[in-house]
Protein backbone atom coordinates (compact mmCIF):
# COMPACT_ATOMS: atom_id res chain seq x y z
CA UNK A 1 39.86 20.49 11.75
CA UNK A 2 39.64 22.94 14.51
CA UNK A 3 37.78 20.93 17.16
CA UNK A 4 38.34 17.20 16.41
CA UNK A 5 41.49 17.03 18.81
CA UNK A 6 39.84 18.26 22.09
CA UNK A 7 36.52 16.57 21.28
CA UNK A 8 37.50 12.97 19.86
CA UNK A 9 39.51 10.22 21.56
CA UNK A 10 43.05 10.61 20.28
CA UNK A 11 43.83 6.91 20.15
CA UNK A 12 41.08 6.37 17.49
CA UNK A 13 42.24 6.26 13.83
CA UNK A 14 45.85 7.44 14.30
CA UNK A 15 47.07 4.79 16.77
CA UNK A 16 44.54 1.85 16.55
CA UNK A 17 44.20 1.80 12.69
CA UNK A 18 47.60 2.98 11.45
CA UNK A 19 49.83 1.31 13.87
CA UNK A 20 48.19 -1.99 14.43
CA UNK A 21 45.16 -2.15 12.32
CA UNK A 22 41.71 -3.60 13.12
CA UNK A 23 42.18 -6.46 15.71
CA UNK A 24 40.01 -9.32 14.92
CA UNK A 25 39.08 -12.43 16.95
CA UNK A 26 39.47 -15.61 14.96
CA UNK A 27 38.91 -19.26 15.93
CA UNK A 28 41.09 -22.08 14.46
CA UNK A 29 41.21 -25.99 15.09
CA UNK A 30 43.95 -28.29 15.43
CA UNK A 31 42.61 -30.89 13.08
CA UNK A 32 43.52 -34.69 12.62
CA UNK A 33 47.02 -34.97 11.16
CA UNK A 34 48.20 -31.48 11.89
CA UNK A 35 52.04 -31.41 12.80
CA UNK A 36 51.08 -29.31 15.89
CA UNK A 37 49.60 -32.16 17.76
CA UNK A 38 51.61 -33.05 20.86
CA UNK A 39 53.68 -29.95 20.78
CA UNK A 40 53.58 -27.20 23.27
CA UNK A 41 52.30 -23.64 22.18
CA UNK A 42 55.97 -22.50 22.47
CA UNK A 43 57.42 -25.38 20.46
CA UNK A 44 54.65 -24.87 17.78
CA UNK A 45 55.86 -21.24 17.27
CA UNK A 46 52.53 -19.91 18.19
CA UNK A 47 53.76 -17.82 21.21
CA UNK A 48 55.62 -15.18 19.27
CA UNK A 49 53.81 -14.79 16.02
CA UNK A 50 54.11 -11.49 14.26
CA UNK A 51 50.96 -9.51 14.65
CA UNK A 52 48.99 -12.37 16.10
CA UNK A 53 48.37 -13.07 19.73
CA UNK A 54 47.19 -16.55 20.99
CA UNK A 55 44.80 -15.56 23.97
CA UNK A 56 42.76 -18.61 24.69
CA UNK A 57 42.58 -22.46 24.10
CA UNK A 58 39.31 -24.24 24.18
CA UNK A 59 39.92 -27.81 25.18
CA UNK A 60 37.13 -30.61 25.34
CA UNK A 61 36.63 -30.07 29.09
CA UNK A 62 38.13 -26.61 29.84
CA UNK A 63 39.02 -23.15 28.70
CA UNK A 64 42.77 -22.11 29.09
CA UNK A 65 42.94 -18.33 29.25
CA UNK A 66 45.52 -17.02 28.99
CA UNK A 67 47.29 -19.60 26.90
CA UNK A 68 50.62 -20.54 28.74
CA UNK A 69 53.72 -21.36 26.52
CA UNK A 70 53.84 -24.89 27.92
CA UNK A 71 50.29 -25.82 27.03
CA UNK A 72 50.29 -28.99 25.01
CA UNK A 73 48.22 -28.99 21.85
CA UNK A 74 45.88 -31.81 21.09
CA UNK A 75 43.67 -32.87 18.22
CA UNK A 76 40.38 -30.87 18.45
CA UNK A 77 41.75 -27.94 20.44
CA UNK A 78 40.18 -24.65 19.48
CA UNK A 79 42.80 -21.87 19.43
CA UNK A 80 41.52 -18.21 19.54
CA UNK A 81 43.77 -15.51 18.23
CA UNK A 82 43.60 -11.87 18.14
CA UNK A 83 45.50 -9.96 15.25
CA UNK A 84 45.39 -7.27 12.58
CA UNK A 85 43.48 -7.61 9.20
CA UNK A 86 46.18 -9.11 7.02
CA UNK A 87 47.55 -11.53 9.82
CA UNK A 88 44.21 -12.90 10.42
CA UNK A 89 43.50 -13.35 6.69
CA UNK A 90 46.73 -15.43 6.46
CA UNK A 91 45.39 -17.80 9.02
CA UNK A 92 43.28 -19.32 6.10
CA UNK A 93 46.67 -20.94 4.68
CA UNK A 94 46.97 -24.68 5.60
CA UNK A 95 50.72 -24.27 6.07
CA UNK A 96 50.25 -23.25 9.68
CA UNK A 97 48.87 -26.59 10.69
CA UNK A 98 45.68 -24.87 11.75
CA UNK A 99 42.17 -25.14 10.20
CA UNK A 100 39.15 -22.79 10.29
CA UNK A 101 35.92 -24.32 11.64
CA UNK A 102 33.67 -25.79 9.02
CA UNK A 103 31.26 -22.89 9.29
CA UNK A 104 34.26 -20.47 8.53
CA UNK A 105 35.24 -21.73 5.08
CA UNK A 106 33.73 -22.61 1.74
CA UNK A 107 34.79 -25.02 -0.98
CA UNK A 108 38.11 -23.87 -2.41
CA UNK A 109 36.76 -23.87 -6.11
CA UNK A 110 34.24 -21.12 -5.04
CA UNK A 111 36.63 -18.84 -3.07
CA UNK A 112 36.94 -15.51 -4.56
CA UNK A 113 38.29 -13.04 -2.02
CA UNK A 114 38.59 -12.19 1.71
CA UNK A 115 36.50 -9.14 2.53
CA UNK A 116 35.43 -6.94 5.34
CA UNK A 117 31.73 -6.15 6.02
CA UNK A 118 30.00 -3.75 8.55
CA UNK A 119 26.78 -4.95 10.03
CA UNK A 120 23.86 -2.47 9.74
CA UNK A 121 21.58 -1.58 12.59
CA UNK A 122 18.60 -2.99 10.61
CA UNK A 123 20.33 -6.12 9.57
CA UNK A 124 18.14 -9.43 10.14
CA UNK A 125 21.27 -11.09 11.59
CA UNK A 126 21.42 -8.80 14.57
CA UNK A 127 21.07 -10.53 18.00
CA UNK A 128 21.69 -13.89 16.16
CA UNK A 129 24.56 -16.19 16.96
CA UNK A 130 27.09 -16.67 14.03
CA UNK A 131 26.01 -20.47 13.79
CA UNK A 132 22.13 -19.51 13.48
CA UNK A 133 22.67 -16.76 11.00
CA UNK A 134 22.68 -19.07 7.82
CA UNK A 135 25.26 -16.73 6.56
CA UNK A 136 26.68 -19.18 4.10
CA UNK A 137 23.24 -20.04 2.43
CA UNK A 138 22.30 -16.39 2.33
CA UNK A 139 25.40 -14.75 1.06
CA UNK A 140 27.72 -17.65 -0.24
CA UNK A 141 30.39 -16.77 2.21
CA UNK A 142 31.87 -17.80 5.49
CA UNK A 143 32.60 -15.69 8.60
CA UNK A 144 36.26 -16.04 9.49
CA UNK A 145 36.66 -13.55 12.20
CA UNK A 146 34.96 -10.64 13.96
CA UNK A 147 36.04 -7.30 15.22
CA UNK A 148 33.91 -5.41 17.75
CA UNK A 149 35.00 -1.73 18.49
CA UNK A 150 37.89 -2.77 20.82
CA UNK A 151 35.68 -5.09 22.98
CA UNK A 152 37.24 -8.55 23.73
CA UNK A 153 35.48 -11.51 22.10
CA UNK A 154 35.92 -14.87 23.71
CA UNK A 155 34.64 -18.33 23.24
CA UNK A 156 33.72 -20.29 19.93
CA UNK A 157 33.04 -18.06 16.92
CA UNK A 158 29.88 -19.88 16.25
CA UNK A 159 28.51 -18.78 19.75
CA UNK A 160 29.19 -15.00 19.17
CA UNK A 161 25.90 -12.84 18.95
CA UNK A 162 26.19 -10.43 16.10
CA UNK A 163 25.61 -6.75 16.99
CA UNK A 164 25.28 -3.70 14.90
CA UNK A 165 28.51 -2.20 13.86
CA UNK A 166 30.48 -5.52 14.10
CA UNK A 167 33.18 -5.76 11.39
CA UNK A 168 33.16 -9.33 9.88
CA UNK A 169 36.01 -10.70 7.90
CA UNK A 170 34.30 -12.93 5.41
CA UNK A 171 35.84 -15.71 3.11
CA UNK A 172 33.62 -14.68 0.04
CA UNK A 173 32.33 -16.95 -2.80
CA UNK A 174 32.09 -15.59 -6.33
CA UNK A 175 28.61 -13.99 -5.91
CA UNK A 176 28.88 -12.65 -2.47
CA UNK A 177 29.34 -8.95 -3.65
CA UNK A 178 26.10 -9.03 -5.56
CA UNK A 179 24.23 -10.67 -2.75
CA UNK A 180 25.35 -8.13 -0.25
CA UNK A 181 24.65 -5.19 -2.68
CA UNK A 182 20.98 -6.22 -2.82
CA UNK A 183 20.61 -6.66 0.94
CA UNK A 184 20.15 -4.37 3.85
CA UNK A 185 22.26 -6.29 6.14
CA UNK A 186 25.73 -5.12 5.50
CA UNK A 187 28.04 -2.14 4.13
CA UNK A 188 30.96 -3.27 2.16
CA UNK A 189 34.16 -1.98 3.79
CA UNK A 190 37.19 -3.23 1.99
CA UNK A 191 38.64 -6.27 0.07
CA UNK A 192 41.52 -7.73 2.13
CA UNK A 193 42.78 -10.44 -0.40
CA UNK A 194 41.67 -11.17 -3.85
CA UNK A 195 42.11 -15.13 -4.38
CA UNK A 196 41.15 -14.93 -8.06
CA UNK A 197 42.88 -12.79 -10.55
CA UNK A 198 40.66 -9.78 -11.56
CA UNK A 199 39.79 -8.93 -15.12
CA UNK A 200 42.00 -5.88 -15.37
CA UNK A 201 41.47 -5.70 -19.22
CA UNK A 202 37.78 -5.62 -18.78
CA UNK A 203 38.00 -2.99 -15.99
CA UNK A 204 40.14 -0.84 -18.13
CA UNK A 205 37.60 -1.08 -20.95
CA UNK A 206 34.68 -0.19 -18.88
CA UNK A 207 36.62 2.73 -17.16
CA UNK A 208 37.53 4.11 -20.75
CA UNK A 209 33.95 3.66 -21.96
CA UNK A 210 32.63 5.60 -18.86
CA UNK A 211 35.01 8.55 -19.59
CA UNK A 212 34.07 8.51 -23.23
CA UNK A 213 30.31 8.57 -22.29
CA UNK A 214 30.77 11.43 -20.03
CA UNK A 215 32.73 13.31 -22.76
CA UNK A 216 29.97 12.61 -25.22
CA UNK A 217 27.36 13.86 -22.72
CA UNK A 218 29.32 17.00 -21.93
CA UNK A 219 29.68 18.18 -25.53
CA UNK A 220 26.03 17.29 -26.14
CA UNK A 221 26.92 14.63 -28.90
CA UNK A 222 25.15 11.63 -27.36
CA UNK A 223 22.81 11.72 -24.31
CA UNK A 224 24.42 10.16 -21.17
CA UNK A 225 21.62 7.57 -20.84
CA UNK A 226 22.12 6.30 -24.30
CA UNK A 227 26.01 5.95 -23.93
CA UNK A 228 25.40 4.07 -20.61
CA UNK A 229 22.89 1.61 -22.14
CA UNK A 230 25.46 0.92 -24.98
CA UNK A 231 28.28 0.33 -22.36
CA UNK A 232 26.19 -2.00 -20.30
CA UNK A 233 25.23 -3.99 -23.36
CA UNK A 234 28.82 -4.10 -24.38
CA UNK A 235 29.82 -5.49 -21.10
CA UNK A 236 27.37 -8.32 -21.58
CA UNK A 237 28.52 -9.06 -25.18
CA UNK A 238 32.21 -9.29 -23.96
CA UNK A 239 31.14 -11.43 -20.95
CA UNK A 240 32.55 -8.85 -18.38
CA UNK A 241 29.25 -9.59 -16.50
CA UNK A 242 26.41 -11.73 -16.62
CA UNK A 243 22.54 -11.12 -16.94
CA UNK A 244 22.21 -12.27 -13.36
CA UNK A 245 24.91 -9.80 -12.10
CA UNK A 246 23.01 -7.18 -13.83
CA UNK A 247 19.78 -8.15 -12.26
CA UNK A 248 21.40 -8.44 -8.86
CA UNK A 249 22.79 -4.80 -9.22
CA UNK A 250 19.39 -3.15 -9.44
CA UNK A 251 18.40 -1.65 -6.08
CA UNK A 252 14.82 -2.50 -6.15
CA UNK A 253 14.24 -1.05 -2.61
CA UNK A 254 15.40 2.39 -3.82
CA UNK A 255 13.00 2.30 -6.82
CA UNK A 256 9.92 1.30 -4.60
CA UNK A 257 10.94 4.11 -1.93
CA UNK A 258 11.19 6.72 -4.69
CA UNK A 259 7.97 5.71 -6.46
CA UNK A 260 6.00 5.48 -2.96
CA UNK A 261 7.60 8.61 -1.81
CA UNK A 262 6.19 10.42 -4.99
CA UNK A 263 2.87 8.85 -4.49
CA UNK A 264 2.77 9.79 -0.88
CA UNK A 265 3.75 13.37 -1.70
CA UNK A 266 0.93 13.48 -4.43
CA UNK A 267 -1.44 11.99 -1.95
CA UNK A 268 -0.64 14.65 0.76
CA UNK A 269 -1.09 17.54 -1.78
CA UNK A 270 -4.41 16.18 -3.08
CA UNK A 271 -5.84 15.60 0.38
CA UNK A 272 -4.86 18.95 1.77
CA UNK A 273 -2.72 17.48 4.39
CA UNK A 274 0.60 19.23 2.89
CA UNK A 275 -1.35 22.67 2.94
CA UNK A 276 -2.51 22.10 6.39
CA UNK A 277 1.12 21.37 7.67
CA UNK A 278 2.40 24.18 5.60
CA UNK A 279 0.04 26.58 7.31
CA UNK A 280 1.38 25.55 10.76
CA UNK A 281 5.01 25.64 9.40
CA UNK A 282 4.49 29.30 8.24
CA UNK A 283 4.08 30.32 11.90
CA UNK A 284 7.91 30.06 12.14
CA UNK A 285 8.07 32.69 9.36
CA UNK A 286 5.81 35.13 11.40
CA UNK A 287 8.01 34.99 14.39
CA UNK A 288 11.62 34.42 12.88
CA UNK A 289 11.34 35.77 9.28
CA UNK A 290 12.75 33.90 6.27
CA UNK A 291 15.87 32.75 7.97
CA UNK A 292 13.97 31.14 10.78
CA UNK A 293 11.71 29.37 8.42
CA UNK A 294 14.52 27.99 6.21
CA UNK A 295 16.56 26.79 9.27
CA UNK A 296 13.44 25.27 10.60
CA UNK A 297 12.76 23.20 7.40
CA UNK A 298 16.54 22.09 7.40
CA UNK A 299 16.51 21.02 11.05
CA UNK A 300 13.10 19.09 10.57
CA UNK A 301 14.45 17.14 7.78
CA UNK A 302 17.83 16.42 9.40
CA UNK A 303 16.13 15.44 12.55
CA UNK A 304 14.08 12.79 10.46
CA UNK A 305 17.14 11.47 8.70
CA UNK A 306 18.79 10.71 12.01
CA UNK A 307 16.12 7.99 12.66
CA UNK A 308 15.18 6.81 9.18
CA UNK A 309 16.83 6.59 5.67
CA UNK A 310 17.27 10.02 3.96
CA UNK A 311 15.20 9.05 1.13
CA UNK A 312 12.16 8.48 3.39
CA UNK A 313 12.89 11.75 5.33
CA UNK A 314 12.75 13.70 2.04
CA UNK A 315 9.87 11.88 0.71
CA UNK A 316 7.87 13.13 3.97
CA UNK A 317 9.08 16.71 4.10
CA UNK A 318 9.13 17.72 0.47
CA UNK A 319 5.32 17.81 -0.25
CA UNK A 320 4.92 20.27 2.91
CA UNK A 321 7.86 22.35 1.82
CA UNK A 322 6.47 22.78 -1.78
CA UNK A 323 3.20 23.85 -0.13
CA UNK A 324 5.07 26.32 1.88
CA UNK A 325 6.95 27.53 -1.17
CA UNK A 326 3.49 28.06 -3.03
CA UNK A 327 1.94 29.88 -0.13
CA UNK A 328 4.80 32.12 0.67
CA UNK A 329 6.00 32.84 -2.89
CA UNK A 330 9.41 31.26 -2.33
CA UNK A 331 11.51 29.85 -5.11
CA UNK A 332 10.83 26.10 -5.45
CA UNK A 333 14.34 25.16 -6.49
CA UNK A 334 15.65 26.64 -3.43
CA UNK A 335 13.32 24.88 -1.21
CA UNK A 336 14.00 21.53 -2.87
CA UNK A 337 17.80 22.23 -2.64
CA UNK A 338 17.35 22.97 1.31
CA UNK A 339 15.51 19.63 2.00
CA UNK A 340 18.20 17.72 -0.09
CA UNK A 341 20.86 19.36 2.12
CA UNK A 342 18.99 18.71 5.25
CA UNK A 343 18.60 15.01 4.26
CA UNK A 344 22.23 14.56 3.23
CA UNK A 345 23.84 16.16 6.29
CA UNK A 346 23.44 13.24 8.79
CA UNK A 347 26.40 13.66 11.16
CA UNK A 348 24.75 13.32 14.59
CA UNK A 349 24.63 9.49 15.04
CA UNK A 350 26.71 6.73 13.71
CA UNK A 351 23.55 5.09 12.23
CA UNK A 352 22.52 8.01 10.23
CA UNK A 353 24.38 6.97 7.04
CA UNK A 354 26.50 4.17 5.78
CA UNK A 355 29.80 6.05 5.96
CA UNK A 356 29.16 7.05 9.61
CA UNK A 357 28.87 3.33 10.59
CA UNK A 358 31.93 2.38 8.43
CA UNK A 359 34.29 4.32 10.56
CA UNK A 360 32.23 3.83 13.95
CA UNK A 361 33.89 0.47 14.79
CA UNK A 362 37.42 0.82 13.12
CA UNK A 363 37.68 4.38 14.73
CA UNK A 364 36.76 3.23 18.13
CA UNK A 365 34.24 5.87 18.33
CA UNK A 366 31.01 6.09 20.46
CA UNK A 367 27.50 7.49 20.10
CA UNK A 368 28.84 10.46 22.20
CA UNK A 369 31.74 11.16 19.93
CA UNK A 370 29.39 11.29 16.99
CA UNK A 371 27.07 13.76 18.87
CA UNK A 372 29.86 16.10 20.05
CA UNK A 373 31.22 16.57 16.59
CA UNK A 374 27.98 15.97 14.57
CA UNK A 375 25.78 18.54 16.44
CA UNK A 376 28.01 21.53 15.89
CA UNK A 377 28.82 20.37 12.38
CA UNK A 378 25.29 20.17 11.56
CA UNK A 379 24.56 23.55 12.96
CA UNK A 380 27.39 25.04 10.86
CA UNK A 381 26.35 23.15 7.74
CA UNK A 382 22.84 24.46 8.24
CA UNK A 383 23.93 28.14 8.68
CA UNK A 384 26.08 27.97 5.67
CA UNK A 385 23.39 26.35 3.39
CA UNK A 386 20.77 28.66 4.57
CA UNK A 387 23.00 31.66 3.89
CA UNK A 388 24.21 30.63 0.43
CA UNK A 389 20.57 29.78 -0.74
CA UNK A 390 19.40 33.17 0.50
CA UNK A 391 22.15 35.03 -1.13
CA UNK A 392 21.81 32.97 -4.40
CA UNK A 393 18.11 33.49 -4.66
CA UNK A 394 18.30 37.14 -3.64
CA UNK A 395 15.92 36.96 -0.58
């Protein structure tokens, strides 16, 4: 609150997002039979469309940029627009006389919604052209448009190379959400348009059931695990979800990471590696005392989190920290909490955590912006966390 104005670009969220939204680049085609054929850009009403700007026309033998008002539209012309989220989504309507390329659409019976996805840094689609990404077969959806942190995107959409942090507007099939949830390629940002009517009654029943489950657990009437099992079974009985949806919602990667992390920790303890590293870590205590030791543990965990997942960082650091706690006689819950805080406070880079990347593109930020805010915020978070833990545990 105190330092974001002098340190961050003031045109980020306030101006770019609120006033004109995220500007996407979308490709359309003048197909056979369109009422636009033979008309100029101005006669077709494409010159002054609200919240949409026609910036390029790709004809068979040349590229016309900028698109002049007297340019005549012919069958097969590709028109590239820039516009905000809702306006670009409306281009999927056939009433305009424009069509999306075949790779940007899916059968009408399978359409469920139009959503926005953020490309993750470790996505398998990074550095691939849109047309080579096999997006439709992998995710049952079609890429309609791309937004890239304010950078202009020119040419056919299929030729655009996907980069980390790109925002994709996607025409989604019925199971796209479940496929995205079980992949490492995207973070779900928002739903723009719901094509099919949602099951509001089913959503209400599930929400009420969740509240009842929490209440029963709080008053020690029924364990939360038991209540949630009943709720999941009920959702299957009343056809609110399918067995396949349930299978797809399980994060197998997370289960494997936790299991392997525990195994790695046990192996480090049994082999003596944890004790050896703990002995070296305790040199911090000799020179700086308890505060220096705790701050060092926090910063090591946090530094690892900036370059790998927080789960992996915690799995590596925790065995060493537990050995430190045993050797020094420190409260184990305090050390576990310290590692948890260090793994959760990933503010320094946009790729450190999902939410960082979600605001990276839409906000128009850079790596430098994250570092300028993230570094002092991390240090402040560290000092507060260490201070509170020392106070609570009476050290």
